[in-house]
PDB file of all heavy atoms in Angstrom:
ATOM      1  N   LEU A   1       0.889  -1.141   0.006  1.00  0.00           N
ATOM      2  CA  LEU A   1       0.039  -0.037   0.004  1.00  0.00           C
ATOM      3  C   LEU A   1       0.902   1.153   0.018  1.00  0.00           C
ATOM      4  O   LEU A   1       1.745   1.411   0.912  1.00  0.00           O
ATOM      5  CB  LEU A   1      -0.968  -0.012   1.285  1.00  0.00           C
ATOM      6  CG  LEU A   1      -1.886   1.166   1.291  1.00  0.00           C
ATOM      7  CD1 LEU A   1      -2.890   1.142   0.069  1.00  0.00           C
ATOM      8  CD2 LEU A   1      -2.663   1.198   2.577  1.00  0.00           C
ATOM      9  N   TYR A   2       0.755   2.155  -1.027  1.00  0.00           N
ATOM     10  CA  TYR A   2       1.532   3.238  -1.255  1.00  0.00           C
ATOM     11  C   TYR A   2       0.656   4.508  -1.513  1.00  0.00           C
ATOM     12  O   TYR A   2      -0.350   4.255  -2.174  1.00  0.00           O
ATOM     13  CB  TYR A   2       2.519   2.926  -2.396  1.00  0.00           C
ATOM     14  CG  TYR A   2       3.513   4.040  -2.616  1.00  0.00           C
ATOM     15  CD1 TYR A   2       4.620   4.187  -1.867  1.00  0.00           C
ATOM     16  CD2 TYR A   2       3.364   5.044  -3.684  1.00  0.00           C
ATOM     17  CE1 TYR A   2       5.599   5.053  -2.190  1.00  0.00           C
ATOM     18  CE2 TYR A   2       4.338   5.996  -3.878  1.00  0.00           C
ATOM     19  CZ  TYR A   2       5.485   5.943  -3.187  1.00  0.00           C
ATOM     20  OH  TYR A   2       6.472   6.951  -3.523  1.00  0.00           O
ATOM     21  N   GLY A   3       1.067   5.619  -0.894  1.00  0.00           N
ATOM     22  CA  GLY A   3       0.213   6.772  -1.263  1.00  0.00           C
ATOM     23  C   GLY A   3       0.720   8.005  -0.482  1.00  0.00           C
ATOM     24  O   GLY A   3       1.847   8.039   0.172  1.00  0.00           O
ATOM     25  N   GLY A   4      -0.027   9.132  -0.676  1.00  0.00           N
ATOM     26  CA  GLY A   4       0.479  10.415   0.003  1.00  0.00           C
ATOM     27  C   GLY A   4      -0.083  11.623  -0.797  1.00  0.00           C
ATOM     28  O   GLY A   4      -1.280  11.739  -0.924  1.00  0.00           O
ATOM     29  N   SER A   5       0.836  12.559  -1.061  1.00  0.00           N
ATOM     30  CA  SER A   5       0.362  13.761  -1.701  1.00  0.00           C
ATOM     31  C   SER A   5      -0.621  13.581  -2.969  1.00  0.00           C
ATOM     32  O   SER A   5      -0.485  12.569  -3.526  1.00  0.00           O
ATOM     33  CB  SER A   5       1.612  14.691  -2.034  1.00  0.00           C
ATOM     34  OG  SER A   5       2.325  14.979  -0.915  1.00  0.00           O
ATOM     35  N   HIS A   6      -1.097  14.628  -3.351  1.00  0.00           N
ATOM     36  CA  HIS A   6      -2.036  14.644  -4.559  1.00  0.00           C
ATOM     37  C   HIS A   6      -3.220  13.575  -4.529  1.00  0.00           C
ATOM     38  O   HIS A   6      -3.675  13.223  -5.438  1.00  0.00           O
ATOM     39  CB  HIS A   6      -1.275  14.604  -5.756  1.00  0.00           C
ATOM     40  CG  HIS A   6      -0.095  15.253  -5.992  1.00  0.00           C
ATOM     41  ND1 HIS A   6      -0.134  16.705  -5.866  1.00  0.00           N
ATOM     42  CD2 HIS A   6       1.265  14.916  -6.014  1.00  0.00           C
ATOM     43  CE1 HIS A   6       1.250  17.076  -5.867  1.00  0.00           C
ATOM     44  NE2 HIS A   6       2.033  16.056  -6.074  1.00  0.00           N
ATOM     45  N   GLY A   7      -3.576  13.325  -3.168  1.00  0.00           N
ATOM     46  CA  GLY A   7      -4.726  12.339  -2.973  1.00  0.00           C
ATOM     47  C   GLY A   7      -4.275  10.987  -3.441  1.00  0.00           C
ATOM     48  O   GLY A   7      -5.214  10.146  -3.923  1.00  0.00           O
ATOM     49  N   SER A   8      -3.005  10.614  -3.542  1.00  0.00           N
ATOM     50  CA  SER A   8      -2.537   9.317  -4.103  1.00  0.00           C
ATOM     51  C   SER A   8      -2.797   8.139  -3.035  1.00  0.00           C
ATOM     52  O   SER A   8      -2.567   8.103  -2.001  1.00  0.00           O
ATOM     53  CB  SER A   8      -1.154   9.448  -4.397  1.00  0.00           C
ATOM     54  OG  SER A   8      -0.776  10.264  -5.371  1.00  0.00           O
ATOM     55  N   ILE A   9      -3.329   7.199  -3.786  1.00  0.00           N
ATOM     56  CA  ILE A   9      -3.466   5.795  -2.967  1.00  0.00           C
ATOM     57  C   ILE A   9      -3.198   4.735  -4.056  1.00  0.00           C
ATOM     58  O   ILE A   9      -3.727   4.679  -5.080  1.00  0.00           O
ATOM     59  CB  ILE A   9      -4.802   5.575  -2.290  1.00  0.00           C
ATOM     60  CG1 ILE A   9      -4.705   4.297  -1.548  1.00  0.00           C
ATOM     61  CG2 ILE A   9      -6.033   5.729  -3.349  1.00  0.00           C
ATOM     62  CD1 ILE A   9      -5.834   4.078  -0.650  1.00  0.00           C
ATOM     63  N   ASN A  10      -2.230   3.813  -3.786  1.00  0.00           N
ATOM     64  CA  ASN A  10      -1.828   2.717  -4.798  1.00  0.00           C
ATOM     65  C   ASN A  10      -1.786   1.348  -4.140  1.00  0.00           C
ATOM     66  O   ASN A  10      -0.594   0.946  -3.756  1.00  0.00           O
ATOM     67  CB  ASN A  10      -0.558   3.282  -5.398  1.00  0.00           C
ATOM     68  CG  ASN A  10      -0.004   2.459  -6.532  1.00  0.00           C
ATOM     69  OD1 ASN A  10       1.067   2.424  -6.851  1.00  0.00           O
ATOM     70  ND2 ASN A  10      -0.787   1.483  -7.135  1.00  0.00           N
ATOM     71  N   PRO A  11      -2.700   0.619  -4.025  1.00  0.00           N
ATOM     72  CA  PRO A  11      -2.648  -0.761  -3.509  1.00  0.00           C
ATOM     73  C   PRO A  11      -2.068  -1.615  -4.596  1.00  0.00           C
ATOM     74  O   PRO A  11      -2.567  -1.420  -5.741  1.00  0.00           O
ATOM     75  CB  PRO A  11      -4.055  -1.151  -2.959  1.00  0.00           C
ATOM     76  CG  PRO A  11      -4.892  -0.230  -3.813  1.00  0.00           C
ATOM     77  CD  PRO A  11      -4.188   0.969  -4.139  1.00  0.00           C
ATOM     78  N   SER A  12      -1.280  -2.723  -4.226  1.00  0.00           N
ATOM     79  CA  SER A  12      -0.811  -3.608  -5.446  1.00  0.00           C
ATOM     80  C   SER A  12      -0.446  -5.023  -4.683  1.00  0.00           C
ATOM     81  O   SER A  12      -0.339  -5.133  -3.441  1.00  0.00           O
ATOM     82  CB  SER A  12       0.425  -2.934  -5.967  1.00  0.00           C
ATOM     83  OG  SER A  12       1.453  -2.813  -5.029  1.00  0.00           O
ATOM     84  N   PHE A  13      -0.228  -5.905  -5.632  1.00  0.00           N
ATOM     85  CA  PHE A  13       0.086  -7.288  -5.190  1.00  0.00           C
ATOM     86  C   PHE A  13       0.893  -7.899  -6.280  1.00  0.00           C
ATOM     87  O   PHE A  13       0.866  -7.628  -7.470  1.00  0.00           O
ATOM     88  CB  PHE A  13      -1.044  -8.210  -4.803  1.00  0.00           C
ATOM     89  CG  PHE A  13      -1.775  -8.724  -5.860  1.00  0.00           C
ATOM     90  CD1 PHE A  13      -1.406  -9.886  -6.416  1.00  0.00           C
ATOM     91  CD2 PHE A  13      -2.711  -8.032  -6.616  1.00  0.00           C
ATOM     92  CE1 PHE A  13      -1.985 -10.460  -7.618  1.00  0.00           C
ATOM     93  CE2 PHE A  13      -3.442  -8.526  -7.652  1.00  0.00           C
ATOM     94  CZ  PHE A  13      -3.038  -9.670  -8.244  1.00  0.00           C
ATOM     95  N   ASP A  14       1.830  -8.920  -6.007  1.00  0.00           N
ATOM     96  CA  ASP A  14       2.410  -9.727  -6.988  1.00  0.00           C
ATOM     97  C   ASP A  14       2.619 -11.015  -6.164  1.00  0.00           C
ATOM     98  O   ASP A  14       2.963 -11.160  -4.996  1.00  0.00           O
ATOM     99  CB  ASP A  14       3.641  -9.137  -7.619  1.00  0.00           C
ATOM    100  CG  ASP A  14       4.777  -8.881  -6.536  1.00  0.00           C
ATOM    101  OD1 ASP A  14       5.384  -9.940  -6.214  1.00  0.00           O
ATOM    102  OD2 ASP A  14       4.973  -7.752  -6.253  1.00  0.00           O
ATOM    103  N   TYR A  15       2.685 -12.098  -7.110  1.00  0.00           N
ATOM    104  CA  TYR A  15       2.835 -13.486  -6.514  1.00  0.00           C
ATOM    105  C   TYR A  15       3.287 -14.421  -7.590  1.00  0.00           C
ATOM    106  O   TYR A  15       2.842 -14.497  -8.708  1.00  0.00           O
ATOM    107  CB  TYR A  15       1.602 -14.158  -5.907  1.00  0.00           C
ATOM    108  CG  TYR A  15       1.748 -15.168  -5.099  1.00  0.00           C
ATOM    109  CD1 TYR A  15       2.274 -15.202  -3.742  1.00  0.00           C
ATOM    110  CD2 TYR A  15       1.539 -16.543  -5.607  1.00  0.00           C
ATOM    111  CE1 TYR A  15       2.387 -16.390  -2.947  1.00  0.00           C
ATOM    112  CE2 TYR A  15       1.695 -17.690  -4.850  1.00  0.00           C
ATOM    113  CZ  TYR A  15       2.256 -17.551  -3.628  1.00  0.00           C
ATOM    114  OH  TYR A  15       2.565 -18.879  -2.904  1.00  0.00           O
ATOM    115  N   GLY A  16       4.221 -15.252  -7.246  1.00  0.00           N
ATOM    116  CA  GLY A  16       4.707 -16.237  -8.158  1.00  0.00           C
ATOM    117  C   GLY A  16       4.985 -17.577  -7.502  1.00  0.00           C
ATOM    118  O   GLY A  16       5.358 -17.653  -6.223  1.00  0.00           O
ATOM    119  N   GLY A  17       5.142 -18.509  -8.303  1.00  0.00           N
ATOM    120  CA  GLY A  17       5.408 -19.821  -7.566  1.00  0.00           C
ATOM    121  C   GLY A  17       5.512 -21.027  -8.777  1.00  0.00           C
ATOM    122  O   GLY A  17       5.649 -20.605 -10.033  1.00  0.00           O
ATOM    123  N   SER A  18       5.700 -22.208  -8.465  1.00  0.00           N
ATOM    124  CA  SER A  18       5.888 -23.288  -9.388  1.00  0.00           C
ATOM    125  C   SER A  18       5.273 -24.508  -8.949  1.00  0.00           C
ATOM    126  O   SER A  18       5.247 -24.702  -7.605  1.00  0.00           O
ATOM    127  CB  SER A  18       7.373 -23.453  -9.777  1.00  0.00           C
ATOM    128  OG  SER A  18       8.178 -23.873  -8.619  1.00  0.00           O
ATOM    129  N   SER A  19       4.977 -25.420  -9.822  1.00  0.00           N
ATOM    130  CA  SER A  19       4.402 -26.631  -9.484  1.00  0.00           C
ATOM    131  C   SER A  19       4.897 -27.677 -10.542  1.00  0.00           C
ATOM    132  O   SER A  19       4.476 -27.546 -11.727  1.00  0.00           O
ATOM    133  CB  SER A  19       2.877 -26.534  -9.404  1.00  0.00           C
ATOM    134  OG  SER A  19       2.246 -27.958  -9.191  1.00  0.00           O
ATOM    135  N   GLY A  20       5.770 -28.435 -10.106  1.00  0.00           N
ATOM    136  CA  GLY A  20       6.348 -29.404 -11.118  1.00  0.00           C
ATOM    137  C   GLY A  20       7.126 -28.612 -12.176  1.00  0.00           C
ATOM    138  O   GLY A  20       8.013 -27.924 -11.906  1.00  0.00           O
ATOM    139  N   ASP A  21       6.797 -28.864 -13.431  1.00  0.00           N
ATOM    140  CA  ASP A  21       7.461 -28.224 -14.573  1.00  0.00           C
ATOM    141  C   ASP A  21       6.778 -26.896 -15.103  1.00  0.00           C
ATOM    142  O   ASP A  21       7.089 -26.261 -16.035  1.00  0.00           O
ATOM    143  CB  ASP A  21       7.403 -29.188 -15.767  1.00  0.00           C
ATOM    144  CG  ASP A  21       8.319 -30.370 -15.520  1.00  0.00           C
ATOM    145  OD1 ASP A  21       9.247 -30.293 -14.698  1.00  0.00           O
ATOM    146  OD2 ASP A  21       7.915 -31.429 -16.133  1.00  0.00           O
ATOM    147  N   THR A  22       5.757 -26.552 -14.064  1.00  0.00           N
ATOM    148  CA  THR A  22       5.015 -25.329 -14.569  1.00  0.00           C
ATOM    149  C   THR A  22       5.311 -24.170 -13.495  1.00  0.00           C
ATOM    150  O   THR A  22       5.353 -24.326 -12.385  1.00  0.00           O
ATOM    151  CB  THR A  22       3.589 -25.555 -14.534  1.00  0.00           C
ATOM    152  OG1 THR A  22       3.252 -26.612 -15.482  1.00  0.00           O
ATOM    153  CG2 THR A  22       2.699 -24.363 -14.799  1.00  0.00           C
ATOM    154  N   ASN A  23       5.575 -22.982 -14.130  1.00  0.00           N
ATOM    155  CA  ASN A  23       5.919 -21.731 -13.309  1.00  0.00           C
ATOM    156  C   ASN A  23       4.940 -20.684 -13.587  1.00  0.00           C
ATOM    157  O   ASN A  23       4.407 -20.563 -14.806  1.00  0.00           O
ATOM    158  CB  ASN A  23       7.180 -21.251 -13.602  1.00  0.00           C
ATOM    159  CG  ASN A  23       8.344 -22.477 -13.713  1.00  0.00           C
ATOM    160  OD1 ASN A  23       8.620 -23.106 -12.649  1.00  0.00           O
ATOM    161  ND2 ASN A  23       8.844 -22.545 -14.847  1.00  0.00           N
ATOM    162  N   TYR A  24       4.664 -19.820 -12.599  1.00  0.00           N
ATOM    163  CA  TYR A  24       3.616 -18.757 -12.877  1.00  0.00           C
ATOM    164  C   TYR A  24       4.083 -17.541 -12.105  1.00  0.00           C
ATOM    165  O   TYR A  24       4.671 -17.526 -11.071  1.00  0.00           O
ATOM    166  CB  TYR A  24       2.278 -19.270 -12.443  1.00  0.00           C
ATOM    167  CG  TYR A  24       1.972 -19.692 -11.119  1.00  0.00           C
ATOM    168  CD1 TYR A  24       1.764 -18.804 -10.058  1.00  0.00           C
ATOM    169  CD2 TYR A  24       2.309 -21.004 -10.579  1.00  0.00           C
ATOM    170  CE1 TYR A  24       1.633 -19.227  -8.688  1.00  0.00           C
ATOM    171  CE2 TYR A  24       2.323 -21.443  -9.419  1.00  0.00           C
ATOM    172  CZ  TYR A  24       1.819 -20.560  -8.378  1.00  0.00           C
ATOM    173  OH  TYR A  24       1.787 -20.851  -7.165  1.00  0.00           O
ATOM    174  N   PHE A  25       3.413 -16.368 -12.561  1.00  0.00           N
ATOM    175  CA  PHE A  25       3.591 -15.117 -11.829  1.00  0.00           C
ATOM    176  C   PHE A  25       2.408 -14.227 -12.166  1.00  0.00           C
ATOM    177  O   PHE A  25       2.008 -14.138 -13.378  1.00  0.00           O
ATOM    178  CB  PHE A  25       4.817 -14.431 -12.429  1.00  0.00           C
ATOM    179  CG  PHE A  25       5.023 -13.060 -11.773  1.00  0.00           C
ATOM    180  CD1 PHE A  25       5.471 -12.798 -10.488  1.00  0.00           C
ATOM    181  CD2 PHE A  25       4.639 -11.923 -12.515  1.00  0.00           C
ATOM    182  CE1 PHE A  25       5.448 -11.585  -9.903  1.00  0.00           C
ATOM    183  CE2 PHE A  25       4.817 -10.670 -11.962  1.00  0.00           C
ATOM    184  CZ  PHE A  25       5.240 -10.574 -10.674  1.00  0.00           C
ATOM    185  N   VAL A  26       1.829 -13.506 -11.190  1.00  0.00           N
ATOM    186  CA  VAL A  26       0.650 -12.698 -11.415  1.00  0.00           C
ATOM    187  C   VAL A  26       0.945 -11.325 -10.584  1.00  0.00           C
ATOM    188  O   VAL A  26       1.617 -11.439  -9.541  1.00  0.00           O
ATOM    189  CB  VAL A  26      -0.657 -13.287 -10.942  1.00  0.00           C
ATOM    190  CG1 VAL A  26      -1.051 -14.325 -11.800  1.00  0.00           C
ATOM    191  CG2 VAL A  26      -0.698 -13.655  -9.606  1.00  0.00           C
ATOM    192  N   SER A  27       0.392 -10.228 -11.176  1.00  0.00           N
ATOM    193  CA  SER A  27       0.444  -8.995 -10.521  1.00  0.00           C
ATOM    194  C   SER A  27      -0.672  -8.184 -10.818  1.00  0.00           C
ATOM    195  O   SER A  27      -1.367  -8.407 -11.797  1.00  0.00           O
ATOM    196  CB  SER A  27       1.843  -8.210 -10.858  1.00  0.00           C
ATOM    197  OG  SER A  27       1.845  -7.763 -12.166  1.00  0.00           O
ATOM    198  N   GLY A  28      -0.931  -7.242  -9.966  1.00  0.00           N
ATOM    199  CA  GLY A  28      -2.051  -6.273 -10.215  1.00  0.00           C
ATOM    200  C   GLY A  28      -1.842  -4.976  -9.249  1.00  0.00           C
ATOM    201  O   GLY A  28      -1.273  -5.137  -8.199  1.00  0.00           O
ATOM    202  N   ASP A  29      -2.438  -3.930  -9.773  1.00  0.00           N
ATOM    203  CA  ASP A  29      -2.490  -2.695  -8.891  1.00  0.00           C
ATOM    204  C   ASP A  29      -3.637  -1.785  -9.313  1.00  0.00           C
ATOM    205  O   ASP A  29      -4.054  -1.907 -10.401  1.00  0.00           O
ATOM    206  CB  ASP A  29      -1.017  -2.070  -9.069  1.00  0.00           C
ATOM    207  CG  ASP A  29      -0.792  -1.450 -10.368  1.00  0.00           C
ATOM    208  OD1 ASP A  29      -1.200  -0.327 -10.636  1.00  0.00           O
ATOM    209  OD2 ASP A  29       0.024  -2.181 -11.209  1.00  0.00           O
ATOM    210  N   PHE A  30      -3.874  -0.943  -8.457  1.00  0.00           N
ATOM    211  CA  PHE A  30      -4.907   0.104  -8.588  1.00  0.00           C
ATOM    212  C   PHE A  30      -4.285   1.446  -8.223  1.00  0.00           C
ATOM    213  O   PHE A  30      -3.637   1.458  -7.221  1.00  0.00           O
ATOM    214  CB  PHE A  30      -6.137  -0.285  -7.816  1.00  0.00           C
ATOM    215  CG  PHE A  30      -7.186   1.000  -7.995  1.00  0.00           C
ATOM    216  CD1 PHE A  30      -8.060   1.032  -9.069  1.00  0.00           C
ATOM    217  CD2 PHE A  30      -7.341   1.871  -6.895  1.00  0.00           C
ATOM    218  CE1 PHE A  30      -8.896   2.069  -9.203  1.00  0.00           C
ATOM    219  CE2 PHE A  30      -8.253   2.892  -6.886  1.00  0.00           C
ATOM    220  CZ  PHE A  30      -9.065   3.005  -8.115  1.00  0.00           C
ATOM    221  N   LYS A  31      -4.583   2.576  -9.018  1.00  0.00           N
ATOM    222  CA  LYS A  31      -4.025   3.793  -8.617  1.00  0.00           C
ATOM    223  C   LYS A  31      -5.174   4.881  -8.707  1.00  0.00           C
ATOM    224  O   LYS A  31      -5.959   4.926  -9.692  1.00  0.00           O
ATOM    225  CB  LYS A  31      -2.805   4.090  -9.513  1.00  0.00           C
ATOM    226  CG  LYS A  31      -2.164   5.460  -9.479  1.00  0.00           C
ATOM    227  CD  LYS A  31      -1.017   5.565 -10.338  1.00  0.00           C
ATOM    228  CE  LYS A  31       0.054   4.719  -9.934  1.00  0.00           C
ATOM    229  NZ  LYS A  31       1.290   4.994 -10.746  1.00  0.00           N
ATOM    230  N   HIS A  32      -5.107   5.732  -7.712  1.00  0.00           N
ATOM    231  CA  HIS A  32      -6.090   6.853  -7.766  1.00  0.00           C
ATOM    232  C   HIS A  32      -5.248   8.018  -7.143  1.00  0.00           C
ATOM    233  O   HIS A  32      -4.503   8.041  -6.322  1.00  0.00           O
ATOM    234  CB  HIS A  32      -7.272   6.681  -6.794  1.00  0.00           C
ATOM    235  CG  HIS A  32      -7.996   7.936  -6.661  1.00  0.00           C
ATOM    236  ND1 HIS A  32      -8.895   8.388  -7.503  1.00  0.00           N
ATOM    237  CD2 HIS A  32      -7.890   8.975  -5.636  1.00  0.00           C
ATOM    238  CE1 HIS A  32      -9.515   9.486  -7.039  1.00  0.00           C
ATOM    239  NE2 HIS A  32      -8.896   9.941  -6.011  1.00  0.00           N
ATOM    240  N   ASN A  33      -5.361   9.163  -7.989  1.00  0.00           N
ATOM    241  CA  ASN A  33      -4.769  10.482  -7.412  1.00  0.00           C
ATOM    242  C   ASN A  33      -5.438  11.599  -8.134  1.00  0.00           C
ATOM    243  O   ASN A  33      -6.389  11.495  -9.073  1.00  0.00           O
ATOM    244  CB  ASN A  33      -3.232  10.440  -7.561  1.00  0.00           C
ATOM    245  CG  ASN A  33      -2.857  10.486  -8.996  1.00  0.00           C
ATOM    246  OD1 ASN A  33      -3.213  11.311  -9.862  1.00  0.00           O
ATOM    247  ND2 ASN A  33      -2.020   9.434  -9.378  1.00  0.00           N
TER     248      ASN A  33
END
């Protein structure tokens, strides 16, 4: 969670992992200011 001046707010996430021979990564964020 990041934010501050100019009414900024920026929640975000990312996650990665693997299962056997398969690997994955996901990310997302929202920004308002």
